[in-house]
């Protein structure tokens, strides 16, 4: 038989308004094939219980069969209990004919339990996302958006957002940014992946990275054929003097405003030294300004990019100030890199949603972003102060290191206690990270430190006191 499928359209008499595929191949006559196909569709769940089937006339017309053939098939399935037929209600799939889930022969995978207390670093308090203000900005942005905003996106990102970012970054972070040098990305990892591929094509084989840092940033470099050379980290930030000794390193990835995760800013002499290195050697500094807006003891340190815009590629993101789920980040690039980065992004890279870009632009221009950052700065400062005060009172032997900034604090632990402390935290239902997890595998053996990275951004306000209490219960005792 040539035709093996039925279209039961909304306009057909008795139609379901949906397409119904029936395989009429196999042994037996036409009625037997149709009966078997309908029975299988019900048995496997493709036709859900209580689904109304096309009338016999409609299905017969779709399949090119005699109406009596379809009526007989329906009648047989009604007798078997697969279908029901009532006057005025049509023919429906019987409710008791719902397919049973197949028996599992293997142990089902265990789903990870959510921790009772979450003090992992790197995430903002998403419960504080400014929903009403964001929605109002989205409405204004949508009403004002030109028609071409909904066409194929510009690889750079929407001009409204790039213009707003250029103004904001110059004012708040000291970035010297032209909108034409800004590239909007779907997260920091996309940006670092794009730039590392450009550097690889230009002959860069090795990039200096801080010996403590995010492993998935290092993995992004590695995946794109660029090796990572660890730089020591101390109380003054990264040891950039090591760049002079390693002649194969042509670029360096730094978190100068607030080293992640140890918490130290890059010392002014080292800031000047790394810019001098990049200028003399033609090197490139990749500046990750992941939480530069959140400094609590003084005004935030300005970015490195302002010192040398042609030797620094600046990375920023909305993940810490707003929410990581927006997938909005940006690069401010030296002019000589813009074309190559856009060519790669044009060749199949995904883009952030246009409406979110327009909304963020409106949020920046209207002052909503500044107001939200100020509110969150106060909230995070209170949480950090609460954490430090609790430690000073109940665990004074545990030292908090790093500057008062960002969304995490570092708790220094005695040698040999990090692993048992993390194990105890697991028993308490407390999610927290150890310092060793962020250490580069090739870092110098003598530089290993032990500690906890305590994120105070994740818990909502009502849960923070309980999380701190759980943390205090697992810390090693004095001596």
Protein backbone atom coordinates (compact mmCIF):
# COMPACT_ATOMS: atom_id res chain seq x y z
CA UNK A 1 0.00 0.00 0.00
CA UNK A 2 1.42 3.36 -0.99
CA UNK A 3 -0.07 5.58 1.71
CA UNK A 4 0.80 4.73 5.30
CA UNK A 5 -0.12 7.89 7.17
CA UNK A 6 -3.24 9.84 8.13
CA UNK A 7 -3.79 13.57 8.48
CA UNK A 8 -6.74 14.21 10.78
CA UNK A 9 -7.00 17.98 10.40
CA UNK A 10 -9.04 20.38 12.48
CA UNK A 11 -11.28 21.05 9.56
CA UNK A 12 -12.05 17.38 8.88
CA UNK A 13 -15.27 15.92 10.18
CA UNK A 14 -14.51 14.39 13.56
CA UNK A 15 -10.88 15.38 13.21
CA UNK A 16 -8.46 15.67 16.12
CA UNK A 17 -6.61 18.66 14.72
CA UNK A 18 -3.32 16.70 14.81
CA UNK A 19 -1.33 14.53 12.42
CA UNK A 20 -1.52 10.79 13.08
CA UNK A 21 1.15 8.53 11.53
CA UNK A 22 0.10 4.92 11.03
CA UNK A 23 2.38 2.22 9.62
CA UNK A 24 0.14 -0.06 7.54
CA UNK A 25 2.88 -2.37 6.31
CA UNK A 26 3.20 -5.98 7.40
CA UNK A 27 1.33 -9.25 6.94
CA UNK A 28 -2.42 -9.56 6.66
CA UNK A 29 -5.07 -7.58 4.89
CA UNK A 30 -5.74 -3.88 5.01
CA UNK A 31 -8.04 -4.09 8.04
CA UNK A 32 -5.58 -6.24 9.98
CA UNK A 33 -2.73 -3.79 9.25
CA UNK A 34 -4.83 -0.80 10.35
CA UNK A 35 -6.01 -2.55 13.52
CA UNK A 36 -2.45 -3.54 14.42
CA UNK A 37 -1.12 0.02 13.75
CA UNK A 38 -3.79 1.65 15.92
CA UNK A 39 -3.30 -0.91 18.72
CA UNK A 40 0.46 -0.26 18.69
CA UNK A 41 -0.02 3.53 18.79
CA UNK A 42 -2.20 3.18 21.89
CA UNK A 43 -0.01 0.54 23.56
CA UNK A 44 3.20 2.60 23.22
CA UNK A 45 1.55 5.81 24.37
CA UNK A 46 1.74 7.69 21.06
CA UNK A 47 -2.02 7.99 21.41
CA UNK A 48 -2.60 9.13 24.98
CA UNK A 49 -5.61 8.04 27.05
CA UNK A 50 -8.82 9.96 26.26
CA UNK A 51 -7.46 11.17 22.90
CA UNK A 52 -10.30 11.54 20.40
CA UNK A 53 -9.62 9.71 17.13
CA UNK A 54 -10.69 10.89 13.68
CA UNK A 55 -14.12 9.76 12.57
CA UNK A 56 -14.15 6.62 10.46
CA UNK A 57 -15.14 8.71 7.44
CA UNK A 58 -12.28 11.20 7.99
CA UNK A 59 -9.62 8.55 8.58
CA UNK A 60 -10.84 6.50 5.63
CA UNK A 61 -10.58 9.53 3.37
CA UNK A 62 -7.05 10.34 4.61
CA UNK A 63 -5.82 6.77 4.06
CA UNK A 64 -7.76 6.09 0.85
CA UNK A 65 -9.62 3.16 2.45
CA UNK A 66 -13.22 2.09 2.54
CA UNK A 67 -15.13 3.56 5.49
CA UNK A 68 -16.30 0.09 6.56
CA UNK A 69 -12.64 -1.01 6.84
CA UNK A 70 -11.92 1.74 9.35
CA UNK A 71 -15.23 1.18 11.20
CA UNK A 72 -14.45 -2.54 11.53
CA UNK A 73 -10.95 -1.80 12.88
CA UNK A 74 -12.40 0.64 15.42
CA UNK A 75 -15.02 -1.92 16.43
CA UNK A 76 -12.43 -4.63 17.02
CA UNK A 77 -10.29 -2.33 19.21
CA UNK A 78 -13.39 -1.25 21.18
CA UNK A 79 -14.16 -4.90 21.83
CA UNK A 80 -10.58 -5.50 23.00
CA UNK A 81 -10.78 -2.52 25.37
CA UNK A 82 -8.21 -0.30 23.65
CA UNK A 83 -10.85 2.23 22.51
CA UNK A 84 -14.24 3.45 23.70
CA UNK A 85 -17.14 4.65 21.56
CA UNK A 86 -20.07 6.73 22.85
CA UNK A 87 -22.81 8.51 21.00
CA UNK A 88 -21.91 12.20 20.68
CA UNK A 89 -18.42 11.71 22.07
CA UNK A 90 -16.82 9.89 19.16
CA UNK A 91 -14.16 7.22 19.39
CA UNK A 92 -11.51 7.76 22.07
CA UNK A 93 -8.52 5.97 23.53
CA UNK A 94 -9.63 4.09 26.64
CA UNK A 95 -8.27 5.48 29.86
CA UNK A 96 -7.38 2.06 31.22
CA UNK A 97 -5.31 1.40 28.15
CA UNK A 98 -2.54 3.78 29.22
CA UNK A 99 0.81 2.05 28.69
CA UNK A 100 2.67 0.85 31.75
CA UNK A 101 6.23 1.99 32.22
CA UNK A 102 8.66 -0.81 31.33
CA UNK A 103 10.30 -2.55 34.24
CA UNK A 104 13.76 -1.26 35.01
CA UNK A 105 16.42 -3.94 34.89
CA UNK A 106 19.16 -1.65 36.06
CA UNK A 107 19.52 0.51 39.13
CA UNK A 108 18.11 3.99 38.38
CA UNK A 109 20.69 6.80 38.51
CA UNK A 110 20.83 8.65 41.78
CA UNK A 111 19.97 12.31 41.55
CA UNK A 112 22.19 14.70 43.45
CA UNK A 113 20.52 16.09 46.55
CA UNK A 114 20.41 19.83 46.91
CA UNK A 115 22.58 20.90 49.82
CA UNK A 116 20.82 22.15 52.94
CA UNK A 117 23.28 25.08 53.00
CA UNK A 118 25.03 26.41 49.92
CA UNK A 119 28.19 28.45 50.41
CA UNK A 120 29.83 27.67 47.09
CA UNK A 121 31.55 30.64 45.45
CA UNK A 122 30.90 32.26 42.11
CA UNK A 123 27.14 32.76 42.10
CA UNK A 124 25.08 35.81 42.93
CA UNK A 125 21.93 35.77 45.04
CA UNK A 126 19.56 35.03 42.18
CA UNK A 127 16.59 35.35 44.54
CA UNK A 128 17.37 39.08 44.56
CA UNK A 129 17.12 39.41 40.78
CA UNK A 130 15.23 42.70 40.15
CA UNK A 131 12.25 41.11 38.43
CA UNK A 132 9.91 44.10 38.44
CA UNK A 133 12.57 46.59 37.32
CA UNK A 134 13.85 44.17 34.67
CA UNK A 135 10.32 43.57 33.36
CA UNK A 136 9.67 47.31 33.16
CA UNK A 137 12.94 47.80 31.28
CA UNK A 138 12.04 44.92 28.94
CA UNK A 139 8.69 46.53 28.12
CA UNK A 140 10.29 49.87 27.37
CA UNK A 141 13.02 48.23 25.30
CA UNK A 142 10.53 46.15 23.32
CA UNK A 143 8.32 49.17 22.61
CA UNK A 144 11.28 51.22 21.36
CA UNK A 145 13.08 48.44 19.45
CA UNK A 146 13.47 49.01 15.70
CA UNK A 147 12.15 46.30 13.41
CA UNK A 148 15.63 45.26 12.32
CA UNK A 149 16.44 44.27 15.91
CA UNK A 150 14.55 41.04 15.30
CA UNK A 151 16.47 40.11 12.17
CA UNK A 152 19.76 38.22 12.04
CA UNK A 153 21.96 39.51 14.87
CA UNK A 154 25.11 41.58 14.53
CA UNK A 155 28.13 39.51 15.62
CA UNK A 156 29.23 42.40 17.85
CA UNK A 157 25.89 42.49 19.68
CA UNK A 158 23.13 45.08 19.53
CA UNK A 159 24.49 48.65 19.07
CA UNK A 160 22.16 49.90 21.84
CA UNK A 161 23.86 47.61 24.35
CA UNK A 162 27.40 48.26 23.13
CA UNK A 163 26.83 52.03 23.39
CA UNK A 164 25.36 51.72 26.87
CA UNK A 165 28.23 49.47 27.97
CA UNK A 166 30.85 51.87 26.63
CA UNK A 167 29.36 54.68 28.73
CA UNK A 168 28.95 52.57 31.86
CA UNK A 169 32.37 50.90 31.76
CA UNK A 170 34.13 54.23 31.23
CA UNK A 171 32.29 55.75 34.19
CA UNK A 172 32.34 52.83 36.63
CA UNK A 173 35.46 50.84 35.72
CA UNK A 174 37.77 53.26 33.91
CA UNK A 175 37.59 51.33 30.64
CA UNK A 176 38.49 53.21 27.46
CA UNK A 177 35.87 51.66 25.21
CA UNK A 178 34.58 52.44 21.76
CA UNK A 179 31.29 50.62 21.00
CA UNK A 180 32.86 49.23 17.82
CA UNK A 181 35.47 47.43 19.94
CA UNK A 182 32.91 45.77 22.21
CA UNK A 183 31.78 42.22 21.41
CA UNK A 184 28.81 40.84 23.34
CA UNK A 185 29.14 37.14 24.20
CA UNK A 186 27.03 34.40 25.75
CA UNK A 187 29.20 34.12 28.85
CA UNK A 188 32.88 34.51 29.73
CA UNK A 189 33.76 31.03 28.47
CA UNK A 190 32.57 31.84 24.96
CA UNK A 191 34.65 35.01 24.96
CA UNK A 192 37.84 33.33 26.19
CA UNK A 193 37.35 30.48 23.71
CA UNK A 194 37.00 32.90 20.79
CA UNK A 195 40.04 34.91 21.79
CA UNK A 196 42.21 31.86 22.48
CA UNK A 197 41.47 30.54 18.98
CA UNK A 198 42.50 33.88 17.50
CA UNK A 199 45.71 33.87 19.54
CA UNK A 200 46.46 30.29 18.48
CA UNK A 201 46.09 31.20 14.82
CA UNK A 202 48.43 34.12 15.35
CA UNK A 203 51.13 31.86 16.77
CA UNK A 204 50.54 32.02 20.54
CA UNK A 205 51.17 28.59 22.05
CA UNK A 206 51.31 29.41 25.75
CA UNK A 207 49.34 31.72 28.04
CA UNK A 208 50.30 32.60 31.59
CA UNK A 209 47.56 31.92 34.15
CA UNK A 210 47.36 32.44 37.90
CA UNK A 211 48.21 29.20 39.71
CA UNK A 212 44.91 29.52 41.59
CA UNK A 213 41.92 30.13 39.37
CA UNK A 214 38.88 28.59 37.72
CA UNK A 215 39.75 25.25 36.13
CA UNK A 216 37.16 25.60 33.36
CA UNK A 217 38.84 28.80 32.18
CA UNK A 218 42.09 26.85 31.86
CA UNK A 219 40.21 24.05 30.10
CA UNK A 220 38.81 26.56 27.59
CA UNK A 221 42.36 27.60 26.71
CA UNK A 222 43.56 23.99 26.54
CA UNK A 223 40.68 22.94 24.27
CA UNK A 224 41.70 25.58 21.77
CA UNK A 225 45.32 24.49 21.60
CA UNK A 226 46.86 27.01 24.02
CA UNK A 227 48.93 25.67 26.93
CA UNK A 228 48.62 27.22 30.39
CA UNK A 229 51.76 28.23 32.31
CA UNK A 230 51.01 28.84 36.01
CA UNK A 231 52.17 32.03 37.71
CA UNK A 232 52.65 32.11 41.47
CA UNK A 233 50.11 34.00 43.57
CA UNK A 234 50.80 35.72 46.90
CA UNK A 235 49.44 38.58 48.97
CA UNK A 236 50.19 41.01 46.12
CA UNK A 237 48.40 39.00 43.44
CA UNK A 238 50.02 37.20 40.52
CA UNK A 239 53.82 37.06 40.22
CA UNK A 240 53.98 38.79 36.85
CA UNK A 241 57.80 38.97 37.03
CA UNK A 242 57.75 35.32 35.94
CA UNK A 243 56.61 36.50 32.50
CA UNK A 244 60.08 37.95 31.93
CA UNK A 245 61.65 34.54 32.59
CA UNK A 246 59.32 32.54 30.33
CA UNK A 247 59.97 33.66 26.76
CA UNK A 248 57.34 31.35 25.26
CA UNK A 249 54.41 33.07 27.00
CA UNK A 250 52.80 35.65 24.71
CA UNK A 251 49.64 36.41 26.70
CA UNK A 252 48.50 36.30 30.32
CA UNK A 253 45.06 35.84 31.92
CA UNK A 254 44.68 37.84 35.15
CA UNK A 255 42.03 38.83 37.71
CA UNK A 256 43.76 42.04 38.83
CA UNK A 257 40.96 43.81 40.74
CA UNK A 258 40.26 40.79 42.99
CA UNK A 259 42.30 37.65 42.39
CA UNK A 260 40.10 34.59 42.21
CA UNK A 261 40.01 32.79 44.52
CA UNK A 262 42.68 34.04 46.95
CA UNK A 263 41.18 37.54 47.15
CA UNK A 264 44.25 39.75 46.69
CA UNK A 265 44.30 42.70 44.27
CA UNK A 266 47.26 43.02 41.93
CA UNK A 267 49.79 45.34 43.58
CA UNK A 268 50.27 48.72 41.81
CA UNK A 269 53.93 47.91 41.00
CA UNK A 270 52.88 44.62 39.43
CA UNK A 271 50.09 46.33 37.48
CA UNK A 272 52.65 48.69 35.99
CA UNK A 273 55.11 45.85 35.38
CA UNK A 274 52.67 43.63 33.46
CA UNK A 275 51.54 46.53 31.25
CA UNK A 276 55.20 47.32 30.58
CA UNK A 277 55.85 43.65 29.69
CA UNK A 278 52.94 43.62 27.23
CA UNK A 279 54.05 46.90 25.63
CA UNK A 280 57.70 45.84 25.19
CA UNK A 281 57.03 42.31 23.96
CA UNK A 282 53.83 42.82 21.98
CA UNK A 283 52.08 40.55 24.49
CA UNK A 284 48.42 40.61 25.44
CA UNK A 285 46.78 40.85 28.87
CA UNK A 286 43.40 39.13 29.23
CA UNK A 287 41.72 40.99 32.10
CA UNK A 288 38.86 39.14 33.81
CA UNK A 289 36.96 41.82 35.75
CA UNK A 290 34.44 39.32 37.09
CA UNK A 291 33.34 41.20 40.24
CA UNK A 292 35.11 44.57 40.04
CA UNK A 293 31.97 46.50 41.05
CA UNK A 294 31.86 44.89 44.50
CA UNK A 295 34.45 46.46 46.79
CA UNK A 296 33.39 47.20 50.38
CA UNK A 297 36.30 48.89 52.16
CA UNK A 298 37.06 51.59 49.57
CA UNK A 299 36.35 52.62 45.98
CA UNK A 300 36.86 49.77 43.49
CA UNK A 301 40.25 49.59 41.81
CA UNK A 302 40.08 50.71 38.19
CA UNK A 303 40.76 48.23 35.45
CA UNK A 304 44.11 47.55 33.75
CA UNK A 305 42.61 48.18 30.34
CA UNK A 306 42.53 51.91 30.99
CA UNK A 307 46.34 51.91 31.18
CA UNK A 308 46.87 50.30 27.77
CA UNK A 309 43.78 49.68 25.62
CA UNK A 310 45.81 48.19 22.74
CA UNK A 311 47.53 45.64 24.96
CA UNK A 312 44.60 44.57 27.16
CA UNK A 313 41.49 42.58 26.26
CA UNK A 314 38.88 43.35 28.91
CA UNK A 315 36.21 40.82 29.96
CA UNK A 316 33.09 41.74 31.91
CA UNK A 317 29.85 39.96 32.71
CA UNK A 318 26.35 40.42 34.12
CA UNK A 319 26.60 37.12 36.02
CA UNK A 320 27.63 38.59 39.37
CA UNK A 321 25.67 41.85 39.27
CA UNK A 322 22.44 40.31 37.91
CA UNK A 323 22.31 36.56 37.20
CA UNK A 324 24.34 33.96 35.29
CA UNK A 325 21.21 32.69 33.55
CA UNK A 326 21.10 35.81 31.37
CA UNK A 327 24.22 34.57 29.52
CA UNK A 328 25.41 38.12 28.89
CA UNK A 329 29.07 39.08 28.90
CA UNK A 330 31.29 41.36 26.87
CA UNK A 331 34.81 41.84 25.62
CA UNK A 332 36.46 45.19 24.98
CA UNK A 333 39.16 44.36 22.45
CA UNK A 334 42.25 46.03 21.04
CA UNK A 335 41.47 47.23 17.54
CA UNK A 336 43.79 44.71 15.87
CA UNK A 337 41.83 41.76 17.32
CA UNK A 338 38.26 42.82 16.56
CA UNK A 339 38.09 41.60 12.95
CA UNK A 340 39.48 38.12 13.65
CA UNK A 341 37.21 37.61 16.67
CA UNK A 342 34.12 38.65 14.69
CA UNK A 343 35.07 36.36 11.82
CA UNK A 344 35.13 33.41 14.20
CA UNK A 345 31.91 34.42 15.91
CA UNK A 346 30.26 34.79 12.52
CA UNK A 347 31.21 31.21 11.63
CA UNK A 348 28.59 29.46 13.74
CA UNK A 349 28.98 30.79 17.30
CA UNK A 350 25.74 31.35 19.21
CA UNK A 351 24.61 34.79 20.27
CA UNK A 352 22.81 36.17 23.31
CA UNK A 353 19.11 36.87 22.85
CA UNK A 354 18.29 40.23 21.30
CA UNK A 355 15.55 41.09 23.80
CA UNK A 356 17.87 40.50 26.77
CA UNK A 357 20.50 42.70 25.14
CA UNK A 358 18.00 45.48 24.54
CA UNK A 359 16.68 45.12 28.09
CA UNK A 360 20.16 45.36 29.61
CA UNK A 361 20.85 48.45 27.50
CA UNK A 362 17.67 50.08 28.81
CA UNK A 363 18.48 48.94 32.37
CA UNK A 364 21.90 50.61 32.10
CA UNK A 365 20.62 53.82 30.51
CA UNK A 366 17.74 54.26 32.98
CA UNK A 367 19.99 53.88 36.04
CA UNK A 368 18.35 50.62 37.09
CA UNK A 369 21.63 48.74 36.86
CA UNK A 370 23.43 51.23 39.12
CA UNK A 371 20.63 51.13 41.67
CA UNK A 372 20.64 47.34 41.72
CA UNK A 373 24.43 47.13 42.07
CA UNK A 374 24.37 49.60 44.98
CA UNK A 375 21.65 47.58 46.72
CA UNK A 376 23.50 44.30 46.22
CA UNK A 377 26.78 45.88 47.35
CA UNK A 378 25.15 46.74 50.69
CA UNK A 379 23.59 43.29 50.97
CA UNK A 380 26.83 41.41 50.26
CA UNK A 381 28.80 43.69 52.55
CA UNK A 382 26.41 42.92 55.41
CA UNK A 383 26.76 39.20 54.76
CA UNK A 384 30.54 39.37 54.68
CA UNK A 385 30.57 41.41 57.89
CA UNK A 386 28.26 38.86 59.50
CA UNK A 387 30.55 36.01 58.46
CA UNK A 388 33.71 37.74 59.69
CA UNK A 389 32.08 38.68 63.01
CA UNK A 390 30.88 35.13 63.61
CA UNK A 391 34.35 33.75 62.92
CA UNK A 392 35.99 36.31 65.20
CA UNK A 393 33.64 35.36 68.02
CA UNK A 394 33.44 31.57 67.67
CA UNK A 395 36.51 30.55 65.66
CA UNK A 396 39.14 33.27 66.15
CA UNK A 397 41.93 30.88 65.13
CA UNK A 398 40.55 30.80 61.56
CA UNK A 399 41.94 33.72 59.57
CA UNK A 400 39.94 35.42 56.79
CA UNK A 401 42.30 36.46 54.00
CA UNK A 402 41.87 38.68 50.96
CA UNK A 403 40.31 42.10 50.63
CA UNK A 404 36.73 43.00 51.52
CA UNK A 405 35.31 42.57 48.04
CA UNK A 406 33.38 40.28 45.74
CA UNK A 407 31.06 37.44 46.64
CA UNK A 408 33.43 35.14 48.52
CA UNK A 409 35.94 35.05 51.35
CA UNK A 410 38.94 32.77 51.91
CA UNK A 411 39.28 30.96 55.24
CA UNK A 412 42.85 29.86 55.89
CA UNK A 413 43.06 26.34 57.38
CA UNK A 414 45.91 24.57 59.21
CA UNK A 415 47.89 22.07 57.10
CA UNK A 416 46.19 18.72 56.70
CA UNK A 417 42.70 19.91 57.64
CA UNK A 418 41.11 20.93 54.33
CA UNK A 419 40.02 17.46 53.27
CA UNK A 420 38.48 16.39 56.62
CA UNK A 421 36.76 19.76 56.89
CA UNK A 422 35.15 19.29 53.47
CA UNK A 423 34.09 15.78 54.48
CA UNK A 424 32.50 17.11 57.65
CA UNK A 425 30.73 19.78 55.60
CA UNK A 426 29.22 17.07 53.41
CA UNK A 427 27.83 15.31 56.48
CA UNK A 428 26.23 18.60 57.56
CA UNK A 429 24.63 19.12 54.14
CA UNK A 430 26.89 22.14 53.61
CA UNK A 431 28.23 22.83 50.11
CA UNK A 432 31.55 24.68 50.21
CA UNK A 433 34.74 24.54 48.12
CA UNK A 434 38.30 23.83 49.14
CA UNK A 435 41.14 26.05 47.96
CA UNK A 436 43.03 23.09 46.49
CA UNK A 437 40.34 22.51 43.87
CA UNK A 438 41.29 25.77 42.16
CA UNK A 439 45.04 25.10 42.08
CA UNK A 440 46.77 24.44 38.76
CA UNK A 441 48.12 20.89 38.52
CA UNK A 442 51.53 22.18 37.45
CA UNK A 443 51.85 24.80 40.20
CA UNK A 444 55.02 24.75 42.28
CA UNK A 445 54.78 22.08 45.00
CA UNK A 446 55.91 24.39 47.80
CA UNK A 447 53.16 26.91 47.12
CA UNK A 448 50.22 24.68 48.16
CA UNK A 449 47.86 26.25 50.69
CA UNK A 450 44.81 24.87 52.45
CA UNK A 451 41.59 26.72 53.01
CA UNK A 452 37.90 27.10 52.25
CA UNK A 453 36.39 29.36 49.61
CA UNK A 454 33.17 30.56 51.23
CA UNK A 455 30.65 32.14 48.89
CA UNK A 456 28.20 34.48 50.59
CA UNK A 457 26.33 35.43 47.42
CA UNK A 458 24.33 32.24 46.88
CA UNK A 459 22.09 31.91 49.98
CA UNK A 460 19.08 34.20 50.21
CA UNK A 461 18.99 36.50 53.23
CA UNK A 462 16.70 34.28 55.31
CA UNK A 463 19.05 31.28 54.92
CA UNK A 464 22.39 32.97 55.47
CA UNK A 465 22.54 32.75 59.27
CA UNK A 466 21.85 29.01 59.15
CA UNK A 467 24.56 28.52 56.56
CA UNK A 468 27.11 30.37 58.70
CA UNK A 469 26.13 28.28 61.73
CA UNK A 470 26.66 25.09 59.72
CA UNK A 471 30.05 26.37 58.59
CA UNK A 472 31.14 27.07 62.18
CA UNK A 473 30.21 23.49 63.16
CA UNK A 474 32.64 21.94 60.66
CA UNK A 475 35.71 24.15 61.12
CA UNK A 476 38.73 22.47 62.74
CA UNK A 477 39.24 23.31 66.42
CA UNK A 478 42.12 25.44 67.60
CA UNK A 479 45.44 23.64 68.04
